C-alpha atoms as a PDB file:
ATOM      1  CA  MET A   1     106.386 102.031 134.068  1.00  0.00           C
ATOM      2  CA  SER A   2     107.414 100.174 130.907  1.00  0.00           C
ATOM      3  CA  ARG A   3     105.092  97.559 129.459  1.00  0.00           C
ATOM      4  CA  SER A   4     107.351  94.500 129.436  1.00  0.00           C
ATOM      5  CA  TYR A   5     104.585  92.368 127.919  1.00  0.00           C
ATOM      6  CA  ASP A   6     104.700  94.595 124.836  1.00  0.00           C
ATOM      7  CA  ARG A   7     108.304  93.642 124.131  1.00  0.00           C
ATOM      8  CA  ALA A   8     108.694  90.185 125.681  1.00  0.00           C
ATOM      9  CA  LEU A   9     107.543  87.183 123.670  1.00  0.00           C
ATOM     10  CA  THR A  10     106.629  84.912 126.571  1.00  0.00           C
ATOM     11  CA  VAL A  11     104.705  87.454 128.696  1.00  0.00           C
ATOM     12  CA  PHE A  12     100.956  87.863 128.327  1.00  0.00           C
ATOM     13  CA  SER A  13      99.345  91.287 128.492  1.00  0.00           C
ATOM     14  CA  PRO A  14      96.714  91.864 131.224  1.00  0.00           C
ATOM     15  CA  ASP A  15      93.917  91.215 128.719  1.00  0.00           C
ATOM     16  CA  GLY A  16      95.457  87.939 127.500  1.00  0.00           C
ATOM     17  CA  HIS A  17      97.327  89.007 124.357  1.00  0.00           C
ATOM     18  CA  LEU A  18     100.776  88.045 123.116  1.00  0.00           C
ATOM     19  CA  PHE A  19     101.654  91.240 121.336  1.00  0.00           C
ATOM     20  CA  GLN A  20     104.686  89.844 119.511  1.00  0.00           C
ATOM     21  CA  VAL A  21     102.445  87.241 117.862  1.00  0.00           C
ATOM     22  CA  GLU A  22      99.987  89.948 116.863  1.00  0.00           C
ATOM     23  CA  TYR A  23     102.834  92.027 115.471  1.00  0.00           C
ATOM     24  CA  ALA A  24     103.855  88.985 113.405  1.00  0.00           C
ATOM     25  CA  LEU A  25     100.324  88.914 111.989  1.00  0.00           C
ATOM     26  CA  GLU A  26     100.747  92.557 111.016  1.00  0.00           C
ATOM     27  CA  ALA A  27     103.926  91.601 109.158  1.00  0.00           C
ATOM     28  CA  VAL A  28     101.876  89.046 107.224  1.00  0.00           C
ATOM     29  CA  LYS A  29      99.331  91.714 106.265  1.00  0.00           C
ATOM     30  CA  ARG A  30     102.146  93.824 104.825  1.00  0.00           C
ATOM     31  CA  GLY A  31     103.263  90.969 102.573  1.00  0.00           C
ATOM     32  CA  THR A  32     102.024  90.346  99.046  1.00  0.00           C
ATOM     33  CA  CYS A  33      98.772  88.430  98.671  1.00  0.00           C
ATOM     34  CA  ALA A  34      98.630  84.649  98.184  1.00  0.00           C
ATOM     35  CA  VAL A  35      95.478  82.728  97.229  1.00  0.00           C
ATOM     36  CA  GLY A  36      94.655  79.025  97.220  1.00  0.00           C
ATOM     37  CA  VAL A  37      91.550  77.550  95.561  1.00  0.00           C
ATOM     38  CA  ARG A  38      90.518  73.898  95.596  1.00  0.00           C
ATOM     39  CA  GLY A  39      88.588  72.397  92.680  1.00  0.00           C
ATOM     40  CA  ASN A  40      87.135  68.953  92.036  1.00  0.00           C
ATOM     41  CA  SER A  41      90.403  67.353  90.941  1.00  0.00           C
ATOM     42  CA  VAL A  42      92.830  70.261  91.005  1.00  0.00           C
ATOM     43  CA  VAL A  43      94.220  72.778  93.476  1.00  0.00           C
ATOM     44  CA  VAL A  44      95.629  76.149  92.419  1.00  0.00           C
ATOM     45  CA  LEU A  45      98.006  78.555  94.153  1.00  0.00           C
ATOM     46  CA  GLY A  46      98.153  82.160  93.001  1.00  0.00           C
ATOM     47  CA  VAL A  47     100.513  84.794  94.380  1.00  0.00           C
ATOM     48  CA  GLU A  48     101.073  88.484  93.850  1.00  0.00           C
ATOM     49  CA  LYS A  49     104.631  89.138  92.711  1.00  0.00           C
ATOM     50  CA  LYS A  50     106.519  92.307  93.466  1.00  0.00           C
ATOM     51  CA  SER A  51     107.905  94.079  90.432  1.00  0.00           C
ATOM     52  CA  ALA A  52     111.531  93.052  89.918  1.00  0.00           C
ATOM     53  CA  LEU A  53     114.178  95.741  89.673  1.00  0.00           C
ATOM     54  CA  GLN A  54     115.664  96.454  86.283  1.00  0.00           C
ATOM     55  CA  LEU A  55     118.886  94.495  86.893  1.00  0.00           C
ATOM     56  CA  GLN A  56     117.358  91.813  89.126  1.00  0.00           C
ATOM     57  CA  ASP A  57     116.815  88.230  87.992  1.00  0.00           C
ATOM     58  CA  PRO A  58     113.075  87.637  88.642  1.00  0.00           C
ATOM     59  CA  ARG A  59     113.607  83.863  88.888  1.00  0.00           C
ATOM     60  CA  THR A  60     115.334  84.316  92.246  1.00  0.00           C
ATOM     61  CA  VAL A  61     112.246  85.889  93.838  1.00  0.00           C
ATOM     62  CA  ARG A  62     109.638  83.176  94.296  1.00  0.00           C
ATOM     63  CA  LYS A  63     106.700  82.897  96.677  1.00  0.00           C
ATOM     64  CA  VAL A  64     105.784  79.317  95.702  1.00  0.00           C
ATOM     65  CA  ALA A  65     107.990  76.307  96.486  1.00  0.00           C
ATOM     66  CA  MET A  66     107.849  72.514  96.458  1.00  0.00           C
ATOM     67  CA  LEU A  67     108.265  70.692  99.774  1.00  0.00           C
ATOM     68  CA  ASP A  68     108.053  67.235  98.212  1.00  0.00           C
ATOM     69  CA  ASP A  69     106.932  65.706  94.930  1.00  0.00           C
ATOM     70  CA  HIS A  70     103.286  66.061  95.964  1.00  0.00           C
ATOM     71  CA  VAL A  71     103.312  69.061  98.345  1.00  0.00           C
ATOM     72  CA  CYS A  72     103.440  72.715  97.341  1.00  0.00           C
ATOM     73  CA  ILE A  73     103.565  75.797  99.574  1.00  0.00           C
ATOM     74  CA  ALA A  74     102.977  79.526  99.155  1.00  0.00           C
ATOM     75  CA  PHE A  75     103.439  82.170 101.819  1.00  0.00           C
ATOM     76  CA  ALA A  76     102.840  85.816 102.637  1.00  0.00           C
ATOM     77  CA  GLY A  77     105.016  87.905 104.929  1.00  0.00           C
ATOM     78  CA  LEU A  78     108.766  88.048 105.481  1.00  0.00           C
ATOM     79  CA  THR A  79     110.513  86.250 102.627  1.00  0.00           C
ATOM     80  CA  ALA A  80     113.571  85.305 104.720  1.00  0.00           C
ATOM     81  CA  ASP A  81     111.348  83.694 107.360  1.00  0.00           C
ATOM     82  CA  GLY A  82     109.573  81.792 104.611  1.00  0.00           C
ATOM     83  CA  ARG A  83     112.862  80.428 103.268  1.00  0.00           C
ATOM     84  CA  ILE A  84     113.905  79.088 106.695  1.00  0.00           C
ATOM     85  CA  LEU A  85     110.517  77.492 107.352  1.00  0.00           C
ATOM     86  CA  ILE A  86     110.488  75.879 103.896  1.00  0.00           C
ATOM     87  CA  ASP A  87     113.944  74.384 104.509  1.00  0.00           C
ATOM     88  CA  LYS A  88     112.800  72.907 107.830  1.00  0.00           C
ATOM     89  CA  ALA A  89     109.695  71.428 106.173  1.00  0.00           C
ATOM     90  CA  ARG A  90     111.753  69.878 103.360  1.00  0.00           C
ATOM     91  CA  VAL A  91     114.050  68.191 105.863  1.00  0.00           C
ATOM     92  CA  GLU A  92     111.013  66.724 107.622  1.00  0.00           C
ATOM     93  CA  CYS A  93     109.621  65.398 104.315  1.00  0.00           C
ATOM     94  CA  GLN A  94     112.936  63.676 103.539  1.00  0.00           C
ATOM     95  CA  SER A  95     113.263  62.312 107.081  1.00  0.00           C
ATOM     96  CA  HIS A  96     109.746  60.888 106.908  1.00  0.00           C
ATOM     97  CA  ARG A  97     110.548  59.099 103.643  1.00  0.00           C
ATOM     98  CA  LEU A  98     113.707  57.568 105.134  1.00  0.00           C
ATOM     99  CA  THR A  99     112.035  56.544 108.387  1.00  0.00           C
ATOM    100  CA  VAL A 100     108.604  55.374 107.268  1.00  0.00           C
ATOM    101  CA  GLU A 101     109.429  54.661 103.613  1.00  0.00           C
ATOM    102  CA  ASP A 102     106.336  56.562 102.627  1.00  0.00           C
ATOM    103  CA  PRO A 103     105.717  60.194 101.614  1.00  0.00           C
ATOM    104  CA  VAL A 104     104.121  62.552 104.100  1.00  0.00           C
ATOM    105  CA  SER A 105     100.422  63.321 104.055  1.00  0.00           C
ATOM    106  CA  ILE A 106      99.402  66.935 103.500  1.00  0.00           C
ATOM    107  CA  GLU A 107      97.931  67.269 106.980  1.00  0.00           C
ATOM    108  CA  TYR A 108     101.047  65.752 108.567  1.00  0.00           C
ATOM    109  CA  ILE A 109     103.447  68.281 107.035  1.00  0.00           C
ATOM    110  CA  THR A 110     100.969  71.091 107.725  1.00  0.00           C
ATOM    111  CA  LYS A 111     100.839  70.095 111.385  1.00  0.00           C
ATOM    112  CA  HIS A 112     104.644  69.951 111.476  1.00  0.00           C
ATOM    113  CA  ILE A 113     104.965  73.476 110.036  1.00  0.00           C
ATOM    114  CA  ALA A 114     102.321  74.807 112.423  1.00  0.00           C
ATOM    115  CA  GLY A 115     104.174  73.135 115.308  1.00  0.00           C
ATOM    116  CA  ILE A 116     107.391  74.955 114.398  1.00  0.00           C
ATOM    117  CA  GLN A 117     105.522  78.255 114.233  1.00  0.00           C
ATOM    118  CA  GLN A 118     103.881  77.619 117.605  1.00  0.00           C
ATOM    119  CA  LYS A 119     107.203  76.656 119.195  1.00  0.00           C
ATOM    120  CA  TYR A 120     108.617  80.041 118.235  1.00  0.00           C
ATOM    121  CA  THR A 121     105.826  81.797 120.158  1.00  0.00           C
ATOM    122  CA  GLN A 122     106.784  80.428 123.601  1.00  0.00           C
ATOM    123  CA  SER A 123     110.578  80.119 123.525  1.00  0.00           C
ATOM    124  CA  GLY A 124     113.019  82.644 124.897  1.00  0.00           C
ATOM    125  CA  GLY A 125     115.559  84.311 122.666  1.00  0.00           C
ATOM    126  CA  VAL A 126     113.537  83.875 119.468  1.00  0.00           C
ATOM    127  CA  ARG A 127     110.672  85.643 117.755  1.00  0.00           C
ATOM    128  CA  PRO A 128     107.598  84.352 115.876  1.00  0.00           C
ATOM    129  CA  PHE A 129     107.792  83.637 112.165  1.00  0.00           C
ATOM    130  CA  GLY A 130     106.331  86.598 110.308  1.00  0.00           C
ATOM    131  CA  ILE A 131     104.583  84.502 107.661  1.00  0.00           C
ATOM    132  CA  SER A 132     101.319  82.711 106.990  1.00  0.00           C
ATOM    133  CA  THR A 133     101.401  79.733 104.635  1.00  0.00           C
ATOM    134  CA  LEU A 134      99.083  77.991 102.182  1.00  0.00           C
ATOM    135  CA  ILE A 135      99.933  74.294 101.780  1.00  0.00           C
ATOM    136  CA  VAL A 136      98.369  72.273  98.953  1.00  0.00           C
ATOM    137  CA  GLY A 137      98.757  68.810  97.483  1.00  0.00           C
ATOM    138  CA  PHE A 138      97.388  65.298  97.139  1.00  0.00           C
ATOM    139  CA  ASP A 139      97.784  62.542  99.690  1.00  0.00           C
ATOM    140  CA  PRO A 140      99.341  59.273  98.461  1.00  0.00           C
ATOM    141  CA  ASN A 141      96.768  57.061  96.706  1.00  0.00           C
ATOM    142  CA  ASP A 142      94.144  59.802  96.964  1.00  0.00           C
ATOM    143  CA  LYS A 143      92.581  61.922  94.229  1.00  0.00           C
ATOM    144  CA  ILE A 144      91.082  64.559  96.535  1.00  0.00           C
ATOM    145  CA  PRO A 145      93.029  67.856  96.567  1.00  0.00           C
ATOM    146  CA  ARG A 146      93.963  69.345  99.943  1.00  0.00           C
ATOM    147  CA  LEU A 147      94.377  72.964 101.017  1.00  0.00           C
ATOM    148  CA  TYR A 148      95.598  74.084 104.452  1.00  0.00           C
ATOM    149  CA  MET A 149      96.518  77.429 105.976  1.00  0.00           C
ATOM    150  CA  THR A 150      98.863  78.133 108.907  1.00  0.00           C
ATOM    151  CA  GLU A 151      99.359  81.351 110.894  1.00  0.00           C
ATOM    152  CA  PRO A 152     102.284  82.739 112.950  1.00  0.00           C
ATOM    153  CA  SER A 153     100.515  81.657 116.136  1.00  0.00           C
ATOM    154  CA  GLY A 154     100.682  77.989 115.078  1.00  0.00           C
ATOM    155  CA  ILE A 155      97.024  77.633 114.119  1.00  0.00           C
ATOM    156  CA  TYR A 156      96.287  75.490 111.061  1.00  0.00           C
ATOM    157  CA  SER A 157      93.008  74.709 109.309  1.00  0.00           C
ATOM    158  CA  ALA A 158      91.639  73.173 106.100  1.00  0.00           C
ATOM    159  CA  TRP A 159      89.946  75.357 103.476  1.00  0.00           C
ATOM    160  CA  LYS A 160      88.117  75.187 100.162  1.00  0.00           C
ATOM    161  CA  ALA A 161      89.527  78.584  99.208  1.00  0.00           C
ATOM    162  CA  CYS A 162      91.682  80.934 101.258  1.00  0.00           C
ATOM    163  CA  ALA A 163      93.835  84.051 101.019  1.00  0.00           C
ATOM    164  CA  VAL A 164      96.666  85.433 103.156  1.00  0.00           C
ATOM    165  CA  GLY A 165      98.682  88.624 103.020  1.00  0.00           C
ATOM    166  CA  ARG A 166      97.772  92.099 101.836  1.00  0.00           C
ATOM    167  CA  SER A 167      94.016  92.749 101.588  1.00  0.00           C
ATOM    168  CA  SER A 168      93.322  89.085 102.365  1.00  0.00           C
ATOM    169  CA  LYS A 169      89.986  90.017 103.953  1.00  0.00           C
ATOM    170  CA  THR A 170      88.794  91.577 100.694  1.00  0.00           C
ATOM    171  CA  VAL A 171      89.865  88.509  98.714  1.00  0.00           C
ATOM    172  CA  ARG A 172      88.210  86.107 101.166  1.00  0.00           C
ATOM    173  CA  GLU A 173      84.936  88.018 100.950  1.00  0.00           C
ATOM    174  CA  PHE A 174      85.146  87.815  97.159  1.00  0.00           C
ATOM    175  CA  LEU A 175      85.784  84.059  97.318  1.00  0.00           C
ATOM    176  CA  GLU A 176      82.880  83.536  99.726  1.00  0.00           C
ATOM    177  CA  LYS A 177      80.524  85.221  97.253  1.00  0.00           C
ATOM    178  CA  ASN A 178      81.856  83.567  94.089  1.00  0.00           C
ATOM    179  CA  TYR A 179      83.051  80.078  95.092  1.00  0.00           C
ATOM    180  CA  PRO A 180      80.825  77.318  93.638  1.00  0.00           C
ATOM    181  CA  GLU A 181      80.899  73.747  94.888  1.00  0.00           C
ATOM    182  CA  ASP A 182      81.671  72.225  91.471  1.00  0.00           C
ATOM    183  CA  LEU A 183      84.858  73.665  89.941  1.00  0.00           C
ATOM    184  CA  SER A 184      86.632  72.377  86.847  1.00  0.00           C
ATOM    185  CA  ARG A 185      90.326  72.966  86.174  1.00  0.00           C
ATOM    186  CA  ASP A 186      89.781  76.055  84.023  1.00  0.00           C
ATOM    187  CA  ASP A 187      87.183  77.509  86.395  1.00  0.00           C
ATOM    188  CA  THR A 188      89.514  77.013  89.371  1.00  0.00           C
ATOM    189  CA  ILE A 189      92.356  78.840  87.619  1.00  0.00           C
ATOM    190  CA  LYS A 190      90.020  81.607  86.493  1.00  0.00           C
ATOM    191  CA  LEU A 191      88.579  82.110  89.989  1.00  0.00           C
ATOM    192  CA  THR A 192      92.091  82.269  91.469  1.00  0.00           C
ATOM    193  CA  ILE A 193      93.191  84.952  89.007  1.00  0.00           C
ATOM    194  CA  LYS A 194      89.939  86.862  89.371  1.00  0.00           C
ATOM    195  CA  SER A 195      90.320  86.946  93.169  1.00  0.00           C
ATOM    196  CA  LEU A 196      93.917  88.199  92.867  1.00  0.00           C
ATOM    197  CA  LEU A 197      92.764  90.974  90.535  1.00  0.00           C
ATOM    198  CA  GLU A 198      90.728  92.337  93.456  1.00  0.00           C
ATOM    199  CA  VAL A 199      94.016  93.575  94.965  1.00  0.00           C
ATOM    200  CA  VAL A 200      96.522  93.455  92.082  1.00  0.00           C
ATOM    201  CA  GLN A 201      96.124  96.604  90.008  1.00  0.00           C
ATOM    202  CA  THR A 202      98.957  95.972  87.538  1.00  0.00           C
ATOM    203  CA  GLY A 203      97.395  93.021  85.731  1.00  0.00           C
ATOM    204  CA  ALA A 204      98.965  89.745  84.657  1.00  0.00           C
ATOM    205  CA  LYS A 205     102.614  90.754  84.911  1.00  0.00           C
ATOM    206  CA  ASN A 206     102.540  90.616  88.737  1.00  0.00           C
ATOM    207  CA  ILE A 207     100.626  87.336  89.052  1.00  0.00           C
ATOM    208  CA  GLU A 208     102.125  83.855  89.405  1.00  0.00           C
ATOM    209  CA  ILE A 209      99.949  80.739  89.124  1.00  0.00           C
ATOM    210  CA  SER A 210     100.873  77.147  90.017  1.00  0.00           C
ATOM    211  CA  VAL A 211      98.486  74.276  89.292  1.00  0.00           C
ATOM    212  CA  MET A 212      98.609  70.833  90.908  1.00  0.00           C
ATOM    213  CA  GLU A 213      96.320  68.466  89.016  1.00  0.00           C
ATOM    214  CA  ARG A 214      97.162  65.106  90.552  1.00  0.00           C
ATOM    215  CA  TYR A 215      99.762  63.427  92.706  1.00  0.00           C
ATOM    216  CA  GLY A 216     103.197  64.664  91.723  1.00  0.00           C
ATOM    217  CA  VAL A 217     102.171  66.853  88.757  1.00  0.00           C
ATOM    218  CA  VAL A 218     102.668  70.610  89.198  1.00  0.00           C
ATOM    219  CA  THR A 219     102.425  73.141  86.383  1.00  0.00           C
ATOM    220  CA  ALA A 220     103.370  76.813  86.449  1.00  0.00           C
ATOM    221  CA  LEU A 221     101.259  78.802  83.990  1.00  0.00           C
ATOM    222  CA  GLU A 222     103.120  80.756  81.342  1.00  0.00           C
ATOM    223  CA  GLN A 223     102.784  84.524  81.390  1.00  0.00           C
ATOM    224  CA  SER A 224     100.952  84.462  78.051  1.00  0.00           C
ATOM    225  CA  GLU A 225      98.294  82.112  79.475  1.00  0.00           C
ATOM    226  CA  ILE A 226      97.766  84.364  82.488  1.00  0.00           C
ATOM    227  CA  GLU A 227      97.486  87.431  80.240  1.00  0.00           C
ATOM    228  CA  LYS A 228      94.883  85.666  78.101  1.00  0.00           C
ATOM    229  CA  ILE A 229      92.751  84.798  81.136  1.00  0.00           C
ATOM    230  CA  VAL A 230      93.111  88.329  82.562  1.00  0.00           C
ATOM    231  CA  ALA A 231      91.959  89.813  79.229  1.00  0.00           C
ATOM    232  CA  GLN A 232      88.936  87.504  79.263  1.00  0.00           C
ATOM    233  CA  ILE A 233      88.071  88.522  82.826  1.00  0.00           C
ATOM    234  CA  GLU A 234      88.386  92.225  81.980  1.00  0.00           C
ATOM    235  CA  SER A 235      86.083  91.858  78.955  1.00  0.00           C
ATOM    236  CA  GLU A 236      83.501  90.055  81.117  1.00  0.00           C
ATOM    237  CA  LYS A 237      83.683  92.854  83.688  1.00  0.00           C
ATOM    238  CA  GLU A 238      83.119  95.473  80.966  1.00  0.00           C
ATOM    239  CA  ALA A 239      80.140  93.535  79.582  1.00  0.00           C
ATOM    240  CA  ASP A 240      78.596  93.226  83.059  1.00  0.00           C
ATOM    241  CA  ALA A 241      79.145  96.947  83.702  1.00  0.00           C
ATOM    242  CA  GLU A 242      77.460  97.827  80.387  1.00  0.00           C
ATOM    243  CA  LYS A 243      74.457  95.624  81.205  1.00  0.00           C
ATOM    244  CA  LYS A 244      74.205  97.282  84.616  1.00  0.00           C
ATOM    245  CA  ARG A 245      74.272 100.762  83.048  1.00  0.00           C
ATOM    246  CA  GLN A 246      71.513  99.759  80.621  1.00  0.00           C
ATOM    247  CA  ARG A 247      69.337  98.384  83.426  1.00  0.00           C
ATOM    248  CA  VAL A 248      69.799 101.582  85.442  1.00  0.00           C
ATOM    249  CA  ALA A 249      68.924 103.728  82.420  1.00  0.00           C
ATOM    250  CA  GLN A 250      65.790 101.674  81.696  1.00  0.00           C
ATOM    251  CA  THR A 251      64.708 101.886  85.331  1.00  0.00           C
ATOM    252  CA  GLN A 252      65.171 105.657  85.422  1.00  0.00           C
ATOM    253  CA  ALA A 253      63.286 106.097  82.134  1.00  0.00           C
ATOM    254  CA  GLY A 254      60.394 103.984  83.411  1.00  0.00           C
ATOM    255  CA  GLN A 255      60.173 105.940  86.660  1.00  0.00           C
ATOM    256  CA  ALA A 256      60.205 109.248  84.755  1.00  0.00           C
ATOM    257  CA  SER A 257      57.383 108.184  82.406  1.00  0.00           C
ATOM    258  CA  MET A 258      55.278 106.959  85.333  1.00  0.00           C
ATOM    259  CA  ALA A 259      55.785 110.269  87.129  1.00  0.00           C
ATOM    260  CA  MET A 260      54.727 112.274  84.038  1.00  0.00           C
ATOM    261  CA  GLY A 261      51.633 110.140  83.477  1.00  0.00           C
ATOM    262  CA  SER A 262      50.366 110.372  87.058  1.00  0.00           C
ATOM    263  CA  ALA A 263      50.710 114.178  87.377  1.00  0.00           C
ATOM    264  CA  LEU A 264      48.378 116.468  85.298  1.00  0.00           C
ATOM    265  CA  PRO A 265      49.391 120.100  84.548  1.00  0.00           C
ATOM    266  CA  PRO A 266      47.693 122.685  86.859  1.00  0.00           C
ATOM    267  CA  SER A 267      46.258 124.684  83.897  1.00  0.00           C
ATOM    268  CA  ALA A 268      44.479 121.623  82.516  1.00  0.00           C
ATOM    269  CA  ALA A 269      42.981 120.845  85.903  1.00  0.00           C
ATOM    270  CA  ALA A 270      41.738 124.465  86.306  1.00  0.00           C
ATOM    271  CA  GLY A 271      40.180 124.433  82.808  1.00  0.00           C
ATOM    272  CA  ASN A 272      38.176 121.319  83.610  1.00  0.00           C
ATOM    273  CA  GLU A 273      36.839 122.874  86.816  1.00  0.00           C
ATOM    274  CA  THR A 274      35.709 126.074  84.921  1.00  0.00           C
ATOM    275  CA  GLU A 275      33.941 124.217  82.126  1.00  0.00           C
ATOM    276  CA  THR A 276      31.830 122.081  84.436  1.00  0.00           C
ATOM    277  CA  PRO A 277      29.614 124.902  85.885  1.00  0.00           C
ATOM    278  CA  ALA A 278      29.193 126.468  82.416  1.00  0.00           C
ATOM    279  CA  SER A 279      27.843 123.224  81.062  1.00  0.00           C
ATOM    280  CA  GLY A 280      25.487 123.024  84.008  1.00  0.00           C
ATOM    281  CA  GLY A 281      24.175 126.577  83.280  1.00  0.00           C
ATOM    282  CA  GLU A 282      23.512 125.791  79.643  1.00  0.00           C
ATOM    283  CA  ALA A 283      21.640 122.681  80.660  1.00  0.00           C
ATOM    284  CA  ALA A 284      19.524 124.693  83.111  1.00  0.00           C
ATOM    285  CA  GLY A 285      18.715 127.327  80.458  1.00  0.00           C
ATOM    286  CA  THR A 286      17.646 124.675  77.981  1.00  0.00           C
ATOM    287  CA  ALA A 287      15.452 123.050  80.573  1.00  0.00           C
ATOM    288  CA  ALA A 288      13.762 126.418  81.393  1.00  0.00           C
ATOM    289  CA  GLY A 289      13.080 127.155  77.716  1.00  0.00           C
ATOM    290  CA  THR A 290      11.508 123.761  77.238  1.00  0.00           C
ATOM    291  CA  ALA A 291       9.281 124.290  80.274  1.00  0.00           C
ATOM    292  CA  GLY A 292       8.111 127.698  78.929  1.00  0.00           C
ATOM    293  CA  ASP A 293       7.143 126.215  75.577  1.00  0.00           C
ATOM    294  CA  ALA A 294       5.207 123.520  77.322  1.00  0.00           C
ATOM    295  CA  THR A 295       3.233 126.132  79.420  1.00  0.00           C
ATOM    296  CA  GLY A 296       2.335 128.211  76.403  1.00  0.00           C
ATOM    297  CA  SER A 297       0.872 125.236  74.647  1.00  0.00           C
ATOM    298  CA  GLY A 298      -1.394 124.493  77.633  1.00  0.00           C
ATOM    299  CA  ILE A 299      -3.083 128.037  77.684  1.00  0.00           C
ATOM    300  CA  GLN A 300      -4.065 127.844  74.062  1.00  0.00           C
END
């Protein structure tokens, strides 16, 4: 008997799963990693770039795009799906401006994107979008940066720092351990690059960084700037590794000296035991001689 719920989008499995949605999540995990980190007055998007072919124009392969003057998006998963979803979101941003005469809020456009993704999980003749997105920006007349994440199932949530795509679990664990509450612009950029280096083994050439500092101002870091920060991070890692090796060596040396001081050689211990009775015999002989002298003096 064939498992129709394994192939059909709108049929639940007996244990309550929509397998096509879960397969879309697997497509996201196969995509390159994308990271978003929120600072005090800045929000940074970092993405892992695939190496461009020799004759390919690298400018045509981008994982970060602008939805409006104040909204930026990065995604992980199927690039073609990302392009379609970005186009739909841009149309909504323009429509909102024409209708309301005001730019969209970050949560509004995030909810709209998540709604499109959810719609494609319960409609016939379509399939889920195989992407997860990171949406960042500043609301109008607001200086607080925003960071949201959406999934193929249509879930969306706000984050301080988040990662999607390949090895996203490893990057999230790194961010949980190293994310401080007070982050300056430089520290936010550095933390983003450092988290990407957890999964990117080729260094700065496969990293793209976009920085949004305030409403409507987005900066893409030059490759030379990224290389400089990567070199600084690598030198810090080497210094920390050297300090760790020194601490381990000192600990081992201290344990070895303590072990040598607490254990006496067997020959020395045996010598001490042999000398003790001999000393006792000499003392006894001396005492006997003294007693004999004393007796002789008494007879006279």
